[in-house]
Amino acid sequence: MKTLQTTFFLFVFVPLVNAAPPIQQEPLPFYEYDTGSLSQQDYEIQFKDVRKDGTNTSLDTFLRLQGDDSETNVKPTKDTNLPTCLLCVCLSGSVYCEEIDIEAVPPLPKETAYLYARFNKIKRIAASDFADITTLRRIDFSGNRIEEIEDGAFSKLLLLEELSLAENRLLKLPVLPPKLTTFNANQNRIKSRGIKANAFKKLTNLAYLYLGHNALESVPLNLPESLRILHLQYNNITTITDDTFCKSNNTRYIRTLMDEIRMEGNPILLAKHVNAFSCLRTLPVGTYY
């Protein structure tokens, strides 16, 4: 009986077992690791970059942003209470705070040499804004809404060489620091009474002065000998004297550095004031007929 059962098992079950296909095992993926890959410190340095919205992205932030697709459609916010170097971009002594809708000058790192705060909503510059920042060499406030600059706001900036207040709402000029080489106040609302008689006299390094598109009735007095380019176009200048650019008591006097004066767009006929330009190497650009 046992022999019959054994024979039955061999003829019925063994063929079924042999007919079953072998199990296909998926090969394990093989990754090659470069032994010269970045260390953790180098990896963090590589991804500590500056984002377009002006914040510094650390490694943790980078990994979070990469791993969370749910935040990709969230619009960035502009939190003006953030520290300056998160709100703006700070890079090697330069601070870039452009087009971020700030309404006041942010606190700056003490080593700041260059400040670019163009196209914001700044209305006022206080004396305390730069009280402790003596390293500034260039400031650009173009395209804001500045109406007031406190007395002494720039008085401690003894290294400042370039200052732009173009495209604002100024009615008068502040006291300017002594080492300026370039000053731009184009497209404001400045009238002649808003410029003191000696505003430029002591600026012995001033080479480029831009006062176009304002409301000046006359050319500013006591322009320094260092001046090379003067823009006064599209004001309301109606008068000019023989001493405006030259010296009426010295017919041999020549302004050797003055290369360009623009006065077009003013209601003055320059041909009636020829003696006012006798010391210049080139005549001002403007209306002569």
Protein backbone atom coordinates (compact mmCIF):
# COMPACT_ATOMS: atom_id res chain seq x y z
CA MET A 1 0.00 0.00 0.00
CA LYS A 2 2.82 2.38 0.88
CA THR A 3 4.49 1.59 -2.42
CA LEU A 4 1.32 2.51 -4.30
CA GLN A 5 1.01 5.86 -2.45
CA THR A 6 4.61 6.74 -3.19
CA THR A 7 4.20 5.95 -6.84
CA PHE A 8 1.01 8.07 -7.04
CA PHE A 9 2.82 11.08 -5.42
CA LEU A 10 5.72 10.88 -7.87
CA PHE A 11 3.48 10.81 -10.94
CA VAL A 12 1.02 13.54 -9.84
CA PHE A 13 2.86 16.17 -7.76
CA VAL A 14 6.44 16.14 -9.00
CA PRO A 15 5.55 17.27 -12.55
CA LEU A 16 3.58 20.19 -11.09
CA VAL A 17 6.49 21.32 -9.03
CA ASN A 18 8.89 21.17 -11.98
CA ALA A 19 6.44 23.08 -14.17
CA ALA A 20 6.26 26.09 -11.85
CA PRO A 21 8.41 29.00 -13.15
CA PRO A 22 11.26 30.18 -10.99
CA ILE A 23 10.74 33.33 -8.91
CA GLN A 24 12.19 36.38 -10.67
CA GLN A 25 14.13 38.43 -8.16
CA GLU A 26 14.55 42.12 -8.95
CA PRO A 27 18.20 43.06 -8.95
CA LEU A 28 19.10 45.56 -6.23
CA PRO A 29 19.98 49.00 -7.56
CA PHE A 30 23.68 49.73 -7.52
CA TYR A 31 24.98 53.20 -6.73
CA GLU A 32 28.49 54.36 -7.11
CA TYR A 33 29.64 56.75 -4.41
CA ASP A 34 32.34 59.17 -5.28
CA THR A 35 35.01 59.11 -2.62
CA GLY A 36 35.84 62.72 -3.49
CA SER A 37 32.36 64.05 -2.70
CA LEU A 38 31.76 67.24 -0.70
CA SER A 39 32.07 67.12 3.05
CA GLN A 40 29.13 68.30 5.15
CA GLN A 41 30.85 71.64 5.74
CA ASP A 42 31.55 72.16 2.05
CA TYR A 43 27.99 71.16 1.23
CA GLU A 44 26.61 73.78 3.57
CA ILE A 45 28.88 76.43 2.10
CA GLN A 46 27.83 75.52 -1.44
CA PHE A 47 24.15 75.96 -0.70
CA LYS A 48 24.41 78.97 1.56
CA ASP A 49 23.42 81.27 -1.23
CA VAL A 50 21.40 84.42 -1.70
CA ARG A 51 17.80 83.92 -2.71
CA LYS A 52 16.04 86.25 -5.09
CA ASP A 53 13.84 87.60 -2.33
CA GLY A 54 16.93 88.85 -0.47
CA THR A 55 17.23 86.21 2.25
CA ASN A 56 20.20 83.94 2.96
CA THR A 57 19.34 80.30 2.36
CA SER A 58 21.03 77.85 4.73
CA LEU A 59 21.41 74.14 4.03
CA ASP A 60 18.44 73.22 6.24
CA THR A 61 16.21 75.73 4.46
CA PHE A 62 17.39 74.48 1.08
CA LEU A 63 16.60 70.86 1.94
CA ARG A 64 13.19 71.81 3.32
CA LEU A 65 12.27 73.75 0.23
CA GLN A 66 13.45 70.91 -2.00
CA GLY A 67 11.48 68.29 -0.08
CA ASP A 68 8.20 70.11 0.39
CA ASP A 69 6.38 70.63 -2.88
CA SER A 70 3.31 71.92 -1.08
CA GLU A 71 5.01 75.28 -0.48
CA THR A 72 6.03 75.95 -4.07
CA ASN A 73 2.94 78.07 -4.79
CA VAL A 74 3.10 80.14 -1.61
CA LYS A 75 3.89 83.78 -2.34
CA PRO A 76 6.83 85.24 -0.39
CA THR A 77 6.01 87.84 2.24
CA LYS A 78 7.86 91.06 2.87
CA ASP A 79 8.33 91.30 6.62
CA THR A 80 9.94 94.66 7.36
CA ASN A 81 10.62 93.53 10.93
CA LEU A 82 13.24 91.06 9.76
CA PRO A 83 16.92 91.74 10.50
CA THR A 84 18.46 93.87 7.75
CA CYS A 85 20.57 91.11 6.23
CA LEU A 86 17.53 88.85 5.89
CA LEU A 87 15.32 91.59 4.52
CA CYS A 88 18.07 92.91 2.25
CA VAL A 89 21.12 91.34 0.66
CA CYS A 90 24.40 91.94 2.48
CA LEU A 91 27.53 91.16 0.51
CA SER A 92 31.11 92.24 1.20
CA GLY A 93 30.34 95.64 2.69
CA SER A 94 27.43 96.30 0.31
CA VAL A 95 23.77 96.30 1.34
CA TYR A 96 21.11 95.92 -1.36
CA CYS A 97 17.60 96.91 -0.24
CA GLU A 98 16.00 97.55 -3.61
CA GLU A 99 12.27 97.25 -4.38
CA ILE A 100 11.25 95.73 -1.05
CA ASP A 101 8.77 98.47 -0.03
CA ILE A 102 10.62 99.62 3.08
CA GLU A 103 9.45 102.96 4.51
CA ALA A 104 12.55 103.84 6.51
CA VAL A 105 16.29 103.30 6.35
CA PRO A 106 17.00 99.91 7.98
CA PRO A 107 19.73 99.45 10.62
CA LEU A 108 22.97 98.82 8.77
CA PRO A 109 26.00 96.70 9.64
CA LYS A 110 28.77 98.96 10.90
CA GLU A 111 31.13 97.96 8.10
CA THR A 112 28.68 99.03 5.36
CA ALA A 113 30.41 100.96 2.56
CA TYR A 114 27.74 100.86 -0.16
CA LEU A 115 23.99 101.19 0.37
CA TYR A 116 21.53 100.70 -2.47
CA ALA A 117 17.95 101.39 -1.35
CA ARG A 118 16.35 102.35 -4.66
CA PHE A 119 12.65 102.18 -5.51
CA ASN A 120 11.15 101.86 -2.06
CA LYS A 121 8.71 103.97 -0.01
CA ILE A 122 11.15 105.87 2.19
CA LYS A 123 9.74 109.31 3.10
CA ARG A 124 12.25 110.63 5.60
CA ILE A 125 15.94 110.32 6.44
CA ALA A 126 16.76 110.85 10.10
CA ALA A 127 20.05 112.01 11.59
CA SER A 128 20.22 108.75 13.54
CA ASP A 129 20.10 106.59 10.39
CA PHE A 130 23.82 106.96 9.71
CA ALA A 131 25.08 108.14 13.10
CA ASP A 132 27.24 105.04 13.64
CA ILE A 133 28.04 104.19 10.02
CA THR A 134 31.21 106.13 9.26
CA THR A 135 32.44 103.75 6.54
CA LEU A 136 29.85 104.66 3.88
CA ARG A 137 31.24 105.65 0.48
CA ARG A 138 28.12 105.44 -1.69
CA ILE A 139 24.41 105.86 -0.98
CA ASP A 140 21.63 105.54 -3.55
CA PHE A 141 18.06 106.48 -2.57
CA SER A 142 16.76 106.95 -6.11
CA GLY A 143 13.07 106.39 -6.69
CA ASN A 144 11.73 106.81 -3.17
CA ARG A 145 9.29 109.34 -1.65
CA ILE A 146 11.74 111.36 0.41
CA GLU A 147 10.36 114.74 1.45
CA GLU A 148 12.51 115.50 4.48
CA ILE A 149 16.15 115.00 5.44
CA GLU A 150 17.03 115.94 8.99
CA ASP A 151 19.86 118.39 9.60
CA GLY A 152 23.13 116.55 10.04
CA ALA A 153 21.89 113.30 8.47
CA PHE A 154 25.07 113.08 6.38
CA SER A 155 27.39 115.17 8.57
CA LYS A 156 29.38 112.23 9.96
CA LEU A 157 29.88 110.55 6.60
CA LEU A 158 33.36 111.89 6.01
CA LEU A 159 34.19 109.16 3.47
CA LEU A 160 31.02 109.49 1.40
CA GLU A 161 31.85 110.12 -2.27
CA GLU A 162 28.60 109.41 -4.13
CA LEU A 163 25.07 110.34 -3.10
CA SER A 164 21.92 109.95 -5.19
CA LEU A 165 18.57 111.40 -4.13
CA ALA A 166 17.10 111.38 -7.63
CA GLU A 167 13.38 110.86 -8.24
CA ASN A 168 12.14 111.92 -4.83
CA ARG A 169 10.03 114.79 -3.45
CA LEU A 170 12.65 117.10 -1.97
CA LEU A 171 12.00 120.82 -1.72
CA LYS A 172 15.45 121.66 -0.40
CA LEU A 173 18.92 120.17 -0.25
CA PRO A 174 20.51 118.86 2.95
CA VAL A 175 23.99 119.80 4.12
CA LEU A 176 26.30 117.63 2.04
CA PRO A 177 29.41 115.80 3.26
CA PRO A 178 32.76 117.37 2.27
CA LYS A 179 34.29 114.62 0.09
CA LEU A 180 31.45 114.14 -2.38
CA THR A 181 32.51 113.64 -5.98
CA THR A 182 29.02 112.92 -7.37
CA PHE A 183 25.68 114.30 -6.25
CA ASN A 184 22.43 113.49 -8.07
CA ALA A 185 19.17 115.25 -7.18
CA ASN A 186 17.48 115.03 -10.57
CA GLN A 187 13.68 114.95 -10.68
CA ASN A 188 12.74 116.48 -7.36
CA ARG A 189 10.85 119.69 -6.51
CA ILE A 190 13.79 121.84 -5.48
CA LYS A 191 13.56 125.61 -5.88
CA SER A 192 16.45 128.04 -5.68
CA ARG A 193 15.53 129.07 -2.14
CA GLY A 194 15.95 125.44 -1.15
CA ILE A 195 19.71 125.60 -1.89
CA LYS A 196 21.90 127.60 0.48
CA ALA A 197 24.31 130.10 -1.05
CA ASN A 198 27.38 128.11 0.04
CA ALA A 199 25.88 124.64 -0.39
CA PHE A 200 28.58 123.57 -2.89
CA LYS A 201 31.41 126.02 -2.14
CA LYS A 202 33.37 123.73 0.19
CA LEU A 203 32.88 120.58 -1.86
CA THR A 204 36.32 120.77 -3.44
CA ASN A 205 36.11 117.23 -4.86
CA LEU A 206 32.68 117.58 -6.46
CA ALA A 207 32.94 116.72 -10.17
CA TYR A 208 29.42 115.68 -11.16
CA LEU A 209 26.35 117.67 -10.13
CA TYR A 210 22.90 116.71 -11.41
CA LEU A 211 19.97 119.05 -10.67
CA GLY A 212 17.86 118.57 -13.79
CA HIS A 213 14.05 118.43 -13.80
CA ASN A 214 13.51 120.54 -10.70
CA ALA A 215 12.03 124.03 -10.15
CA LEU A 216 15.20 126.16 -9.92
CA GLU A 217 14.84 129.81 -10.93
CA SER A 218 18.59 130.45 -11.10
CA VAL A 219 21.91 128.64 -11.32
CA PRO A 220 23.28 127.71 -7.87
CA LEU A 221 25.97 130.04 -6.55
CA ASN A 222 29.60 129.37 -5.65
CA LEU A 223 30.10 126.28 -7.77
CA PRO A 224 33.45 124.63 -6.96
CA GLU A 225 36.41 124.69 -9.35
CA SER A 226 36.46 120.90 -9.40
CA LEU A 227 33.14 120.68 -11.26
CA ARG A 228 33.28 118.86 -14.60
CA ILE A 229 29.63 118.20 -15.45
CA LEU A 230 26.60 120.28 -14.43
CA HIS A 231 23.04 119.35 -15.39
CA LEU A 232 20.36 122.02 -14.97
CA GLN A 233 18.02 121.08 -17.82
CA TYR A 234 14.25 121.48 -17.51
CA ASN A 235 14.11 123.85 -14.58
CA ASN A 236 12.65 127.35 -14.47
CA ILE A 237 15.91 129.31 -14.80
CA THR A 238 15.32 132.85 -16.04
CA THR A 239 18.44 134.68 -14.85
CA ILE A 240 22.18 134.25 -15.04
CA THR A 241 25.04 136.65 -14.25
CA ASP A 242 28.62 137.15 -15.42
CA ASP A 243 29.79 135.68 -12.11
CA THR A 244 27.69 132.53 -12.25
CA PHE A 245 30.44 130.50 -13.92
CA CYS A 246 33.17 133.08 -14.48
CA LYS A 247 34.76 135.99 -12.65
CA SER A 248 33.76 139.36 -14.02
CA ASN A 249 36.79 141.03 -12.43
CA ASN A 250 39.24 138.58 -14.04
CA THR A 251 39.00 138.29 -17.81
CA ARG A 252 41.84 135.76 -17.92
CA TYR A 253 40.10 133.29 -15.68
CA ILE A 254 39.29 129.94 -17.36
CA ARG A 255 37.34 127.01 -15.96
CA THR A 256 39.68 124.32 -17.20
CA LEU A 257 37.82 121.31 -15.80
CA MET A 258 34.27 122.14 -16.86
CA ASP A 259 33.34 119.86 -19.77
CA GLU A 260 29.55 119.99 -19.93
CA ILE A 261 26.70 122.25 -18.85
CA ARG A 262 23.13 121.37 -19.82
CA MET A 263 20.49 124.09 -19.64
CA GLU A 264 17.97 123.11 -22.28
CA GLY A 265 14.31 123.29 -21.32
CA ASN A 266 14.70 126.54 -19.32
CA PRO A 267 12.89 129.81 -20.18
CA ILE A 268 16.15 131.70 -20.70
CA LEU A 269 17.74 132.84 -23.95
CA LEU A 270 21.42 132.07 -23.49
CA ALA A 271 22.49 134.31 -26.39
CA LYS A 272 21.66 137.34 -24.21
CA HIS A 273 24.26 136.29 -21.64
CA VAL A 274 27.38 135.62 -23.70
CA ASN A 275 29.71 137.13 -21.12
CA ALA A 276 28.50 134.63 -18.57
CA PHE A 277 30.22 131.86 -20.56
CA SER A 278 33.45 133.63 -21.54
CA CYS A 279 35.56 131.49 -19.19
CA LEU A 280 34.18 128.17 -20.43
CA ARG A 281 35.86 125.99 -23.03
CA THR A 282 32.48 124.94 -24.47
CA LEU A 283 29.11 126.72 -24.48
CA PRO A 284 26.25 125.31 -22.39
CA VAL A 285 23.63 123.20 -24.15
CA GLY A 286 20.45 125.25 -24.39
CA THR A 287 18.41 127.75 -26.41
CA TYR A 288 20.30 130.57 -28.13
CA TYR A 289 17.72 131.82 -30.62
